[in-house]
């Protein structure tokens, strides 16, 4: 992608390299390494490592493809709320919005508690 500024052409530089993207993907999918010790103790390192490697593909790839398709077909600033509103109407979209905000708020509130619990142990 070239961006023209005056008479100069600037090439877009990637913001992240491969290993940075791998790290961001790991923390986005797994939430970090917290809580892996009981899983390794229960199942062993092989199944846990296999799960960490497969989970982004089994869970994340369909979501990424769905988001890419819908955001291309319906470029709405509201994202999923706009898509649900177009498909199911105002009441379902409002319900999704409230549930999404509650889920995000509660999930975000749990992260420091889990981290503190991990440090105390």
C-alpha atoms as a PDB file:
ATOM      1  CA  UNK A   1       0.000   0.000   0.000  1.00  0.00           C
ATOM      2  CA  UNK A   2       1.458   3.344  -1.025  1.00  0.00           C
ATOM      3  CA  UNK A   3       0.490   6.639   0.541  1.00  0.00           C
ATOM      4  CA  UNK A   4       1.270   9.737  -1.453  1.00  0.00           C
ATOM      5  CA  UNK A   5       2.345  12.804   0.510  1.00  0.00           C
ATOM      6  CA  UNK A   6       3.146  15.660  -1.792  1.00  0.00           C
ATOM      7  CA  UNK A   7       5.533  14.146  -4.307  1.00  0.00           C
ATOM      8  CA  UNK A   8       6.955  11.471  -2.030  1.00  0.00           C
ATOM      9  CA  UNK A   9       5.658   7.928  -1.857  1.00  0.00           C
ATOM     10  CA  UNK A  10       5.662   6.279   1.547  1.00  0.00           C
ATOM     11  CA  UNK A  11       5.379   2.535   1.989  1.00  0.00           C
ATOM     12  CA  UNK A  12       3.334   1.264   4.908  1.00  0.00           C
ATOM     13  CA  UNK A  13       5.477  -0.509   7.478  1.00  0.00           C
ATOM     14  CA  UNK A  14       4.061  -3.473   9.426  1.00  0.00           C
ATOM     15  CA  UNK A  15       3.371  -2.579  13.044  1.00  0.00           C
ATOM     16  CA  UNK A  16       4.112  -6.068  14.375  1.00  0.00           C
ATOM     17  CA  UNK A  17       6.434  -8.821  13.339  1.00  0.00           C
ATOM     18  CA  UNK A  18       5.603 -12.514  13.355  1.00  0.00           C
ATOM     19  CA  UNK A  19       6.702 -13.191  16.932  1.00  0.00           C
ATOM     20  CA  UNK A  20       4.904 -10.125  18.275  1.00  0.00           C
ATOM     21  CA  UNK A  21       1.718 -11.345  16.577  1.00  0.00           C
ATOM     22  CA  UNK A  22       2.207 -14.818  18.073  1.00  0.00           C
ATOM     23  CA  UNK A  23       2.558 -13.266  21.537  1.00  0.00           C
ATOM     24  CA  UNK A  24      -0.522 -11.079  21.156  1.00  0.00           C
ATOM     25  CA  UNK A  25      -2.518 -14.054  19.873  1.00  0.00           C
ATOM     26  CA  UNK A  26      -1.431 -16.217  22.829  1.00  0.00           C
ATOM     27  CA  UNK A  27      -2.442 -13.618  25.404  1.00  0.00           C
ATOM     28  CA  UNK A  28      -5.715 -12.828  23.600  1.00  0.00           C
ATOM     29  CA  UNK A  29      -6.732 -16.493  23.387  1.00  0.00           C
ATOM     30  CA  UNK A  30      -5.358 -17.856  26.668  1.00  0.00           C
ATOM     31  CA  UNK A  31      -5.356 -14.749  28.853  1.00  0.00           C
ATOM     32  CA  UNK A  32      -1.735 -15.447  29.651  1.00  0.00           C
ATOM     33  CA  UNK A  33      -0.046 -18.350  31.381  1.00  0.00           C
ATOM     34  CA  UNK A  34      -2.049 -18.026  34.617  1.00  0.00           C
ATOM     35  CA  UNK A  35      -3.881 -21.210  35.506  1.00  0.00           C
ATOM     36  CA  UNK A  36      -1.924 -23.523  33.234  1.00  0.00           C
ATOM     37  CA  UNK A  37      -0.153 -25.266  36.115  1.00  0.00           C
ATOM     38  CA  UNK A  38      -3.242 -27.223  37.287  1.00  0.00           C
ATOM     39  CA  UNK A  39      -3.949 -28.257  33.704  1.00  0.00           C
ATOM     40  CA  UNK A  40      -0.379 -29.478  33.207  1.00  0.00           C
ATOM     41  CA  UNK A  41      -0.535 -31.297  36.546  1.00  0.00           C
ATOM     42  CA  UNK A  42      -3.827 -32.980  35.621  1.00  0.00           C
ATOM     43  CA  UNK A  43      -3.213 -33.881  31.965  1.00  0.00           C
ATOM     44  CA  UNK A  44       0.512 -33.520  31.399  1.00  0.00           C
ATOM     45  CA  UNK A  45       2.406 -31.042  29.229  1.00  0.00           C
ATOM     46  CA  UNK A  46       1.594 -32.671  25.868  1.00  0.00           C
ATOM     47  CA  UNK A  47      -2.199 -32.288  25.875  1.00  0.00           C
ATOM     48  CA  UNK A  48      -1.969 -28.778  27.359  1.00  0.00           C
ATOM     49  CA  UNK A  49       0.512 -27.631  24.732  1.00  0.00           C
ATOM     50  CA  UNK A  50      -1.620 -29.238  22.027  1.00  0.00           C
ATOM     51  CA  UNK A  51      -4.669 -27.392  23.377  1.00  0.00           C
ATOM     52  CA  UNK A  52      -2.815 -24.060  23.399  1.00  0.00           C
ATOM     53  CA  UNK A  53      -1.731 -24.613  19.805  1.00  0.00           C
ATOM     54  CA  UNK A  54      -5.123 -25.832  18.525  1.00  0.00           C
ATOM     55  CA  UNK A  55      -7.504 -23.550  20.420  1.00  0.00           C
ATOM     56  CA  UNK A  56      -6.791 -20.399  18.374  1.00  0.00           C
ATOM     57  CA  UNK A  57      -7.502 -22.284  15.151  1.00  0.00           C
ATOM     58  CA  UNK A  58     -10.580 -24.184  16.296  1.00  0.00           C
ATOM     59  CA  UNK A  59     -12.145 -21.264  18.163  1.00  0.00           C
ATOM     60  CA  UNK A  60     -10.629 -18.128  16.689  1.00  0.00           C
ATOM     61  CA  UNK A  61     -10.445 -18.854  12.965  1.00  0.00           C
ATOM     62  CA  UNK A  62     -14.220 -19.218  12.441  1.00  0.00           C
ATOM     63  CA  UNK A  63     -14.791 -16.024  14.433  1.00  0.00           C
ATOM     64  CA  UNK A  64     -12.162 -14.172  12.423  1.00  0.00           C
ATOM     65  CA  UNK A  65     -13.648 -15.343   9.135  1.00  0.00           C
ATOM     66  CA  UNK A  66     -17.174 -14.414  10.256  1.00  0.00           C
ATOM     67  CA  UNK A  67     -16.035 -10.954  11.384  1.00  0.00           C
ATOM     68  CA  UNK A  68     -14.106 -10.369   8.166  1.00  0.00           C
ATOM     69  CA  UNK A  69     -17.071 -11.374   6.020  1.00  0.00           C
ATOM     70  CA  UNK A  70     -19.636  -9.340   7.942  1.00  0.00           C
ATOM     71  CA  UNK A  71     -17.457  -6.237   8.249  1.00  0.00           C
ATOM     72  CA  UNK A  72     -16.836  -6.324   4.507  1.00  0.00           C
ATOM     73  CA  UNK A  73     -20.486  -6.899   3.621  1.00  0.00           C
ATOM     74  CA  UNK A  74     -21.869  -4.443   6.198  1.00  0.00           C
ATOM     75  CA  UNK A  75     -19.271  -1.794   7.096  1.00  0.00           C
ATOM     76  CA  UNK A  76     -21.070  -0.449  10.163  1.00  0.00           C
ATOM     77  CA  UNK A  77     -19.321   1.417  12.976  1.00  0.00           C
ATOM     78  CA  UNK A  78     -21.369  -0.547  15.521  1.00  0.00           C
ATOM     79  CA  UNK A  79     -19.851  -3.885  14.533  1.00  0.00           C
ATOM     80  CA  UNK A  80     -21.761  -6.893  15.894  1.00  0.00           C
ATOM     81  CA  UNK A  81     -24.546  -4.734  17.355  1.00  0.00           C
ATOM     82  CA  UNK A  82     -25.232  -3.277  13.905  1.00  0.00           C
ATOM     83  CA  UNK A  83     -25.158  -6.695  12.276  1.00  0.00           C
ATOM     84  CA  UNK A  84     -27.572  -8.147  14.818  1.00  0.00           C
ATOM     85  CA  UNK A  85     -29.837  -5.101  14.472  1.00  0.00           C
ATOM     86  CA  UNK A  86     -29.975  -5.602  10.694  1.00  0.00           C
ATOM     87  CA  UNK A  87     -30.681  -9.328  11.038  1.00  0.00           C
ATOM     88  CA  UNK A  88     -32.978  -9.564  14.074  1.00  0.00           C
ATOM     89  CA  UNK A  89     -34.213  -6.089  14.935  1.00  0.00           C
ATOM     90  CA  UNK A  90     -33.860  -3.500  17.639  1.00  0.00           C
ATOM     91  CA  UNK A  91     -34.827  -5.582  20.713  1.00  0.00           C
ATOM     92  CA  UNK A  92     -32.387  -8.407  20.034  1.00  0.00           C
ATOM     93  CA  UNK A  93     -29.600  -5.923  19.250  1.00  0.00           C
ATOM     94  CA  UNK A  94     -30.259  -4.058  22.519  1.00  0.00           C
ATOM     95  CA  UNK A  95     -30.246  -7.347  24.424  1.00  0.00           C
ATOM     96  CA  UNK A  96     -26.954  -8.356  22.802  1.00  0.00           C
ATOM     97  CA  UNK A  97     -25.458  -4.955  23.638  1.00  0.00           C
ATOM     98  CA  UNK A  98     -26.424  -5.183  27.325  1.00  0.00           C
ATOM     99  CA  UNK A  99     -25.192  -8.788  27.609  1.00  0.00           C
ATOM    100  CA  UNK A 100     -21.940  -7.897  25.857  1.00  0.00           C
ATOM    101  CA  UNK A 101     -21.266  -4.924  28.152  1.00  0.00           C
ATOM    102  CA  UNK A 102     -22.064  -6.991  31.259  1.00  0.00           C
ATOM    103  CA  UNK A 103     -19.855  -9.852  30.082  1.00  0.00           C
ATOM    104  CA  UNK A 104     -16.937  -7.547  29.302  1.00  0.00           C
ATOM    105  CA  UNK A 105     -17.280  -5.700  32.609  1.00  0.00           C
ATOM    106  CA  UNK A 106     -17.450  -8.860  34.705  1.00  0.00           C
ATOM    107  CA  UNK A 107     -14.631 -10.532  32.778  1.00  0.00           C
ATOM    108  CA  UNK A 108     -12.421  -7.472  33.151  1.00  0.00           C
ATOM    109  CA  UNK A 109     -13.161  -7.339  36.879  1.00  0.00           C
ATOM    110  CA  UNK A 110     -12.143 -10.997  37.282  1.00  0.00           C
ATOM    111  CA  UNK A 111      -8.695 -10.623  35.716  1.00  0.00           C
ATOM    112  CA  UNK A 112      -7.036  -8.664  38.594  1.00  0.00           C
ATOM    113  CA  UNK A 113      -8.602 -11.026  41.147  1.00  0.00           C
ATOM    114  CA  UNK A 114      -7.275 -14.099  39.348  1.00  0.00           C
ATOM    115  CA  UNK A 115      -3.845 -12.485  39.001  1.00  0.00           C
ATOM    116  CA  UNK A 116      -3.717 -11.573  42.699  1.00  0.00           C
ATOM    117  CA  UNK A 117      -4.835 -15.090  43.638  1.00  0.00           C
ATOM    118  CA  UNK A 118      -2.086 -16.509  41.428  1.00  0.00           C
ATOM    119  CA  UNK A 119       0.576 -14.306  43.043  1.00  0.00           C
ATOM    120  CA  UNK A 120      -0.577 -15.215  46.573  1.00  0.00           C
ATOM    121  CA  UNK A 121      -0.296 -18.942  45.841  1.00  0.00           C
END
